[in-house]
């Protein structure tokens, strides 16, 4: 599901190789994200969201109904406002 969303947002705009170059993430990490085979950290999602031109992780994950989960992660687990 996440991989499909990343490919959808990247289509015609950025390749896997470009995403590796622009984010500084490893080639394997980006490949796993691209094909939905990883469980990325919030930091990785923030980095990828920025390069895909979405304003936030919430927007990246919006099709999955994760806004509440992310809000709880930020305030409780990560101490992020």
PDB file of N, CA and C in Angstrom:
ATOM      1  N   UNK A   1       0.808  -1.190   0.000  1.00  0.00           N
ATOM      2  CA  UNK A   1       0.000   0.000   0.000  1.00  0.00           C
ATOM      3  C   UNK A   1       0.862   1.269   0.000  1.00  0.00           C
ATOM      4  N   UNK A   2       1.832   1.351   0.928  1.00  0.00           N
ATOM      5  CA  UNK A   2       2.694   2.534   0.967  1.00  0.00           C
ATOM      6  C   UNK A   2       3.528   2.628  -0.299  1.00  0.00           C
ATOM      7  N   UNK A   3       4.053   1.507  -0.759  1.00  0.00           N
ATOM      8  CA  UNK A   3       4.848   1.514  -1.978  1.00  0.00           C
ATOM      9  C   UNK A   3       4.050   2.015  -3.172  1.00  0.00           C
ATOM     10  N   UNK A   4       2.813   1.575  -3.255  1.00  0.00           N
ATOM     11  CA  UNK A   4       1.936   2.025  -4.343  1.00  0.00           C
ATOM     12  C   UNK A   4       1.723   3.533  -4.275  1.00  0.00           C
ATOM     13  N   UNK A   5       1.547   4.049  -3.072  1.00  0.00           N
ATOM     14  CA  UNK A   5       1.346   5.499  -2.887  1.00  0.00           C
ATOM     15  C   UNK A   5       2.607   6.270  -3.280  1.00  0.00           C
ATOM     16  N   UNK A   6       3.762   5.768  -2.894  1.00  0.00           N
ATOM     17  CA  UNK A   6       5.021   6.418  -3.260  1.00  0.00           C
ATOM     18  C   UNK A   6       5.202   6.418  -4.770  1.00  0.00           C
ATOM     19  N   UNK A   7       4.955   5.294  -5.408  1.00  0.00           N
ATOM     20  CA  UNK A   7       5.081   5.223  -6.872  1.00  0.00           C
ATOM     21  C   UNK A   7       4.088   6.150  -7.557  1.00  0.00           C
ATOM     22  N   UNK A   8       2.878   6.241  -7.011  1.00  0.00           N
ATOM     23  CA  UNK A   8       1.853   7.136  -7.563  1.00  0.00           C
ATOM     24  C   UNK A   8       2.321   8.588  -7.518  1.00  0.00           C
ATOM     25  N   UNK A   9       2.838   9.003  -6.377  1.00  0.00           N
ATOM     26  CA  UNK A   9       3.296  10.388  -6.224  1.00  0.00           C
ATOM     27  C   UNK A   9       4.552  10.671  -7.040  1.00  0.00           C
ATOM     28  N   UNK A  10       5.374   9.665  -7.245  1.00  0.00           N
ATOM     29  CA  UNK A  10       6.629   9.835  -7.965  1.00  0.00           C
ATOM     30  C   UNK A  10       6.453   9.789  -9.486  1.00  0.00           C
ATOM     31  N   UNK A  11       5.387   9.195  -9.943  1.00  0.00           N
ATOM     32  CA  UNK A  11       5.176   8.957 -11.376  1.00  0.00           C
ATOM     33  C   UNK A  11       5.394  10.214 -12.214  1.00  0.00           C
ATOM     34  N   UNK A  12       6.331  10.117 -13.144  1.00  0.00           N
ATOM     35  CA  UNK A  12       6.614  11.219 -14.054  1.00  0.00           C
ATOM     36  C   UNK A  12       7.385  12.364 -13.430  1.00  0.00           C
ATOM     37  N   UNK A  13       7.726  12.249 -12.143  1.00  0.00           N
ATOM     38  CA  UNK A  13       8.393  13.349 -11.451  1.00  0.00           C
ATOM     39  C   UNK A  13       9.778  12.986 -10.946  1.00  0.00           C
ATOM     40  N   UNK A  14       9.910  11.766 -10.410  1.00  0.00           N
ATOM     41  CA  UNK A  14      11.169  11.380  -9.796  1.00  0.00           C
ATOM     42  C   UNK A  14      11.328   9.858  -9.879  1.00  0.00           C
ATOM     43  N   UNK A  15      12.520   9.409 -10.168  1.00  0.00           N
ATOM     44  CA  UNK A  15      12.805   7.977 -10.230  1.00  0.00           C
ATOM     45  C   UNK A  15      13.349   7.498  -8.892  1.00  0.00           C
ATOM     46  N   UNK A  16      13.461   6.192  -8.743  1.00  0.00           N
ATOM     47  CA  UNK A  16      14.072   5.639  -7.534  1.00  0.00           C
ATOM     48  C   UNK A  16      15.480   6.189  -7.352  1.00  0.00           C
ATOM     49  N   UNK A  17      16.260   6.195  -8.424  1.00  0.00           N
ATOM     50  CA  UNK A  17      17.645   6.687  -8.347  1.00  0.00           C
ATOM     51  C   UNK A  17      17.701   8.142  -7.911  1.00  0.00           C
ATOM     52  N   UNK A  18      16.800   8.957  -8.435  1.00  0.00           N
ATOM     53  CA  UNK A  18      16.761  10.364  -8.039  1.00  0.00           C
ATOM     54  C   UNK A  18      16.359  10.510  -6.578  1.00  0.00           C
ATOM     55  N   UNK A  19      15.443   9.666  -6.126  1.00  0.00           N
ATOM     56  CA  UNK A  19      15.023   9.711  -4.736  1.00  0.00           C
ATOM     57  C   UNK A  19      16.192   9.354  -3.813  1.00  0.00           C
ATOM     58  N   UNK A  20      16.991   8.383  -4.219  1.00  0.00           N
ATOM     59  CA  UNK A  20      18.193   8.027  -3.452  1.00  0.00           C
ATOM     60  C   UNK A  20      19.122   9.233  -3.366  1.00  0.00           C
ATOM     61  N   UNK A  21      19.401   9.850  -4.503  1.00  0.00           N
ATOM     62  CA  UNK A  21      20.314  11.001  -4.545  1.00  0.00           C
ATOM     63  C   UNK A  21      19.815  12.178  -3.728  1.00  0.00           C
ATOM     64  N   UNK A  22      18.547  12.469  -3.838  1.00  0.00           N
ATOM     65  CA  UNK A  22      17.987  13.655  -3.183  1.00  0.00           C
ATOM     66  C   UNK A  22      17.779  13.483  -1.680  1.00  0.00           C
ATOM     67  N   UNK A  23      17.528  12.251  -1.246  1.00  0.00           N
ATOM     68  CA  UNK A  23      17.236  12.036   0.176  1.00  0.00           C
ATOM     69  C   UNK A  23      18.448  11.611   0.981  1.00  0.00           C
ATOM     70  N   UNK A  24      19.443  11.030   0.312  1.00  0.00           N
ATOM     71  CA  UNK A  24      20.582  10.492   1.041  1.00  0.00           C
ATOM     72  C   UNK A  24      20.287   9.145   1.672  1.00  0.00           C
ATOM     73  N   UNK A  25      19.116   8.603   1.401  1.00  0.00           N
ATOM     74  CA  UNK A  25      18.773   7.270   1.889  1.00  0.00           C
ATOM     75  C   UNK A  25      19.494   6.234   1.046  1.00  0.00           C
ATOM     76  N   UNK A  26      19.683   5.071   1.602  1.00  0.00           N
ATOM     77  CA  UNK A  26      20.348   4.008   0.871  1.00  0.00           C
ATOM     78  C   UNK A  26      19.497   3.478  -0.267  1.00  0.00           C
ATOM     79  N   UNK A  27      20.175   2.944  -1.274  1.00  0.00           N
ATOM     80  CA  UNK A  27      19.485   2.388  -2.432  1.00  0.00           C
ATOM     81  C   UNK A  27      18.513   1.279  -2.016  1.00  0.00           C
ATOM     82  N   UNK A  28      18.954   0.424  -1.088  1.00  0.00           N
ATOM     83  CA  UNK A  28      18.098  -0.656  -0.607  1.00  0.00           C
ATOM     84  C   UNK A  28      16.886  -0.139   0.141  1.00  0.00           C
ATOM     85  N   UNK A  29      17.076   0.902   0.943  1.00  0.00           N
ATOM     86  CA  UNK A  29      15.978   1.499   1.699  1.00  0.00           C
ATOM     87  C   UNK A  29      14.923   2.058   0.761  1.00  0.00           C
ATOM     88  N   UNK A  30      15.381   2.794  -0.248  1.00  0.00           N
ATOM     89  CA  UNK A  30      14.436   3.386  -1.203  1.00  0.00           C
ATOM     90  C   UNK A  30      13.725   2.293  -1.998  1.00  0.00           C
ATOM     91  N   UNK A  31      14.448   1.281  -2.397  1.00  0.00           N
ATOM     92  CA  UNK A  31      13.829   0.177  -3.134  1.00  0.00           C
ATOM     93  C   UNK A  31      12.747  -0.504  -2.298  1.00  0.00           C
ATOM     94  N   UNK A  32      13.047  -0.749  -1.028  1.00  0.00           N
ATOM     95  CA  UNK A  32      12.056  -1.376  -0.148  1.00  0.00           C
ATOM     96  C   UNK A  32      10.830  -0.485   0.036  1.00  0.00           C
ATOM     97  N   UNK A  33      11.042   0.813   0.169  1.00  0.00           N
ATOM     98  CA  UNK A  33       9.920   1.748   0.265  1.00  0.00           C
ATOM     99  C   UNK A  33       9.103   1.737  -1.024  1.00  0.00           C
ATOM    100  N   UNK A  34       9.804   1.802  -2.140  1.00  0.00           N
ATOM    101  CA  UNK A  34       9.189   1.874  -3.471  1.00  0.00           C
ATOM    102  C   UNK A  34       8.250   0.696  -3.707  1.00  0.00           C
ATOM    103  N   UNK A  35       8.664  -0.478  -3.211  1.00  0.00           N
ATOM    104  CA  UNK A  35       7.880  -1.696  -3.436  1.00  0.00           C
ATOM    105  C   UNK A  35       7.079  -2.127  -2.213  1.00  0.00           C
ATOM    106  N   UNK A  36       7.025  -1.263  -1.185  1.00  0.00           N
ATOM    107  CA  UNK A  36       6.194  -1.542  -0.024  1.00  0.00           C
ATOM    108  C   UNK A  36       6.668  -2.693   0.837  1.00  0.00           C
ATOM    109  N   UNK A  37       7.980  -2.885   0.892  1.00  0.00           N
ATOM    110  CA  UNK A  37       8.526  -4.018   1.633  1.00  0.00           C
ATOM    111  C   UNK A  37       9.253  -3.600   2.903  1.00  0.00           C
ATOM    112  N   UNK A  38       8.956  -2.417   3.415  1.00  0.00           N
ATOM    113  CA  UNK A  38       9.642  -1.970   4.628  1.00  0.00           C
ATOM    114  C   UNK A  38       8.657  -1.327   5.592  1.00  0.00           C
ATOM    115  N   UNK A  39       9.132  -1.135   6.791  1.00  0.00           N
ATOM    116  CA  UNK A  39       8.384  -0.459   7.826  1.00  0.00           C
ATOM    117  C   UNK A  39       9.207   0.778   8.205  1.00  0.00           C
ATOM    118  N   UNK A  40       9.080   1.866   7.445  1.00  0.00           N
ATOM    119  CA  UNK A  40       9.966   3.021   7.619  1.00  0.00           C
ATOM    120  C   UNK A  40       9.725   3.786   8.918  1.00  0.00           C
ATOM    121  N   UNK A  41      10.770   4.459   9.354  1.00  0.00           N
ATOM    122  CA  UNK A  41      10.653   5.324  10.521  1.00  0.00           C
ATOM    123  C   UNK A  41       9.938   6.611  10.125  1.00  0.00           C
ATOM    124  N   UNK A  42       9.502   7.342  11.115  1.00  0.00           N
ATOM    125  CA  UNK A  42       8.858   8.620  10.852  1.00  0.00           C
ATOM    126  C   UNK A  42       9.828   9.570  10.156  1.00  0.00           C
ATOM    127  N   UNK A  43      11.093   9.541  10.551  1.00  0.00           N
ATOM    128  CA  UNK A  43      12.101  10.386   9.908  1.00  0.00           C
ATOM    129  C   UNK A  43      12.255  10.079   8.430  1.00  0.00           C
ATOM    130  N   UNK A  44      12.259   8.798   8.095  1.00  0.00           N
ATOM    131  CA  UNK A  44      12.355   8.400   6.687  1.00  0.00           C
ATOM    132  C   UNK A  44      11.129   8.875   5.923  1.00  0.00           C
ATOM    133  N   UNK A  45       9.960   8.717   6.509  1.00  0.00           N
ATOM    134  CA  UNK A  45       8.732   9.185   5.855  1.00  0.00           C
ATOM    135  C   UNK A  45       8.743  10.689   5.645  1.00  0.00           C
ATOM    136  N   UNK A  46       9.246  11.437   6.619  1.00  0.00           N
ATOM    137  CA  UNK A  46       9.346  12.892   6.473  1.00  0.00           C
ATOM    138  C   UNK A  46      10.251  13.264   5.304  1.00  0.00           C
ATOM    139  N   UNK A  47      11.378  12.588   5.215  1.00  0.00           N
ATOM    140  CA  UNK A  47      12.335  12.848   4.137  1.00  0.00           C
ATOM    141  C   UNK A  47      11.723  12.543   2.781  1.00  0.00           C
ATOM    142  N   UNK A  48      11.099  11.399   2.659  1.00  0.00           N
ATOM    143  CA  UNK A  48      10.507  10.985   1.383  1.00  0.00           C
ATOM    144  C   UNK A  48       9.338  11.889   1.009  1.00  0.00           C
ATOM    145  N   UNK A  49       8.506  12.225   1.980  1.00  0.00           N
ATOM    146  CA  UNK A  49       7.361  13.104   1.708  1.00  0.00           C
ATOM    147  C   UNK A  49       7.824  14.428   1.115  1.00  0.00           C
ATOM    148  N   UNK A  50       8.874  14.991   1.683  1.00  0.00           N
ATOM    149  CA  UNK A  50       9.399  16.256   1.170  1.00  0.00           C
ATOM    150  C   UNK A  50       9.851  16.159  -0.274  1.00  0.00           C
ATOM    151  N   UNK A  51      10.523  15.089  -0.606  1.00  0.00           N
ATOM    152  CA  UNK A  51      11.016  14.920  -1.977  1.00  0.00           C
ATOM    153  C   UNK A  51       9.916  14.569  -2.966  1.00  0.00           C
ATOM    154  N   UNK A  52       8.815  14.034  -2.475  1.00  0.00           N
ATOM    155  CA  UNK A  52       7.695  13.709  -3.362  1.00  0.00           C
ATOM    156  C   UNK A  52       6.740  14.885  -3.528  1.00  0.00           C
ATOM    157  N   UNK A  53       7.057  15.989  -2.848  1.00  0.00           N
ATOM    158  CA  UNK A  53       6.264  17.198  -3.022  1.00  0.00           C
ATOM    159  C   UNK A  53       4.980  17.233  -2.226  1.00  0.00           C
ATOM    160  N   UNK A  54       4.865  16.373  -1.230  1.00  0.00           N
ATOM    161  CA  UNK A  54       3.691  16.451  -0.366  1.00  0.00           C
ATOM    162  C   UNK A  54       4.081  17.232   0.877  1.00  0.00           C
ATOM    163  N   UNK A  55       3.136  17.943   1.434  1.00  0.00           N
ATOM    164  CA  UNK A  55       3.439  18.860   2.513  1.00  0.00           C
ATOM    165  C   UNK A  55       3.737  18.225   3.853  1.00  0.00           C
ATOM    166  N   UNK A  56       3.332  16.970   4.033  1.00  0.00           N
ATOM    167  CA  UNK A  56       3.514  16.348   5.336  1.00  0.00           C
ATOM    168  C   UNK A  56       3.423  14.835   5.213  1.00  0.00           C
ATOM    169  N   UNK A  57       3.837  14.170   6.263  1.00  0.00           N
ATOM    170  CA  UNK A  57       3.684  12.714   6.313  1.00  0.00           C
ATOM    171  C   UNK A  57       2.202  12.361   6.309  1.00  0.00           C
ATOM    172  N   UNK A  58       1.399  13.172   6.975  1.00  0.00           N
ATOM    173  CA  UNK A  58      -0.035  12.931   7.000  1.00  0.00           C
ATOM    174  C   UNK A  58      -0.613  12.904   5.595  1.00  0.00           C
ATOM    175  N   UNK A  59      -0.160  13.834   4.759  1.00  0.00           N
ATOM    176  CA  UNK A  59      -0.640  13.877   3.371  1.00  0.00           C
ATOM    177  C   UNK A  59      -0.162  12.656   2.600  1.00  0.00           C
ATOM    178  N   UNK A  60       1.069  12.237   2.849  1.00  0.00           N
ATOM    179  CA  UNK A  60       1.606  11.039   2.202  1.00  0.00           C
ATOM    180  C   UNK A  60       0.768   9.818   2.558  1.00  0.00           C
ATOM    181  N   UNK A  61       0.384   9.737   3.816  1.00  0.00           N
ATOM    182  CA  UNK A  61      -0.334   8.559   4.304  1.00  0.00           C
ATOM    183  C   UNK A  61      -1.848   8.727   4.345  1.00  0.00           C
ATOM    184  N   UNK A  62      -2.359   9.860   3.904  1.00  0.00           N
ATOM    185  CA  UNK A  62      -3.793  10.162   3.991  1.00  0.00           C
ATOM    186  C   UNK A  62      -4.701   9.053   3.455  1.00  0.00           C
ATOM    187  N   UNK A  63      -4.358   8.408   2.346  1.00  0.00           N
ATOM    188  CA  UNK A  63      -5.250   7.359   1.854  1.00  0.00           C
ATOM    189  C   UNK A  63      -5.422   6.191   2.828  1.00  0.00           C
ATOM    190  N   UNK A  64      -4.557   6.112   3.816  1.00  0.00           N
ATOM    191  CA  UNK A  64      -4.611   4.997   4.760  1.00  0.00           C
ATOM    192  C   UNK A  64      -5.285   5.370   6.068  1.00  0.00           C
ATOM    193  N   UNK A  65      -5.761   6.615   6.198  1.00  0.00           N
ATOM    194  CA  UNK A  65      -6.445   7.049   7.401  1.00  0.00           C
ATOM    195  C   UNK A  65      -5.563   7.057   8.635  1.00  0.00           C
ATOM    196  N   UNK A  66      -4.343   7.567   8.500  1.00  0.00           N
ATOM    197  CA  UNK A  66      -3.376   7.476   9.585  1.00  0.00           C
ATOM    198  C   UNK A  66      -3.148   8.777  10.341  1.00  0.00           C
ATOM    199  N   UNK A  67      -3.927   9.794  10.102  1.00  0.00           N
ATOM    200  CA  UNK A  67      -3.684  11.070  10.761  1.00  0.00           C
ATOM    201  C   UNK A  67      -3.692  10.937  12.277  1.00  0.00           C
ATOM    202  N   UNK A  68      -4.663  10.260  12.833  1.00  0.00           N
ATOM    203  CA  UNK A  68      -4.754  10.127  14.280  1.00  0.00           C
ATOM    204  C   UNK A  68      -3.557   9.353  14.826  1.00  0.00           C
ATOM    205  N   UNK A  69      -3.168   8.275  14.159  1.00  0.00           N
ATOM    206  CA  UNK A  69      -2.024   7.490  14.598  1.00  0.00           C
ATOM    207  C   UNK A  69      -0.764   8.343  14.626  1.00  0.00           C
ATOM    208  N   UNK A  70      -0.529   9.129  13.590  1.00  0.00           N
ATOM    209  CA  UNK A  70       0.657   9.975  13.543  1.00  0.00           C
ATOM    210  C   UNK A  70       0.620  11.042  14.618  1.00  0.00           C
ATOM    211  N   UNK A  71      -0.545  11.607  14.871  1.00  0.00           N
ATOM    212  CA  UNK A  71      -0.668  12.618  15.919  1.00  0.00           C
ATOM    213  C   UNK A  71      -0.286  12.010  17.266  1.00  0.00           C
ATOM    214  N   UNK A  72      -0.756  10.805  17.528  1.00  0.00           N
ATOM    215  CA  UNK A  72      -0.424  10.140  18.778  1.00  0.00           C
ATOM    216  C   UNK A  72       1.052   9.806  18.855  1.00  0.00           C
ATOM    217  N   UNK A  73       1.655   9.364  17.743  1.00  0.00           N
ATOM    218  CA  UNK A  73       3.077   9.057  17.720  1.00  0.00           C
ATOM    219  C   UNK A  73       3.880  10.305  18.047  1.00  0.00           C
ATOM    220  N   UNK A  74       3.504  11.396  17.441  1.00  0.00           N
ATOM    221  CA  UNK A  74       4.263  12.638  17.630  1.00  0.00           C
ATOM    222  C   UNK A  74       4.182  13.118  19.069  1.00  0.00           C
ATOM    223  N   UNK A  75       3.000  13.107  19.634  1.00  0.00           N
ATOM    224  CA  UNK A  75       2.856  13.677  20.963  1.00  0.00           C
ATOM    225  C   UNK A  75       3.281  12.733  22.078  1.00  0.00           C
ATOM    226  N   UNK A  76       3.047  11.458  21.938  1.00  0.00           N
ATOM    227  CA  UNK A  76       3.327  10.524  23.011  1.00  0.00           C
ATOM    228  C   UNK A  76       4.694   9.854  22.898  1.00  0.00           C
ATOM    229  N   UNK A  77       4.947   9.207  21.792  1.00  0.00           N
ATOM    230  CA  UNK A  77       6.162   8.394  21.645  1.00  0.00           C
ATOM    231  C   UNK A  77       7.392   9.207  21.309  1.00  0.00           C
ATOM    232  N   UNK A  78       7.226  10.238  20.501  1.00  0.00           N
ATOM    233  CA  UNK A  78       8.379  10.942  19.986  1.00  0.00           C
ATOM    234  C   UNK A  78       8.612  12.305  20.621  1.00  0.00           C
ATOM    235  N   UNK A  79       7.674  12.748  21.450  1.00  0.00           N
ATOM    236  CA  UNK A  79       7.792  14.063  22.078  1.00  0.00           C
ATOM    237  C   UNK A  79       7.950  15.178  21.046  1.00  0.00           C
ATOM    238  N   UNK A  80       7.223  15.096  19.963  1.00  0.00           N
ATOM    239  CA  UNK A  80       7.274  16.115  18.920  1.00  0.00           C
ATOM    240  C   UNK A  80       5.950  16.863  18.955  1.00  0.00           C
ATOM    241  N   UNK A  81       6.031  18.158  18.921  1.00  0.00           N
ATOM    242  CA  UNK A  81       4.801  18.971  18.927  1.00  0.00           C
ATOM    243  C   UNK A  81       4.172  18.988  17.573  1.00  0.00           C
TER     244      UNK A  81
END
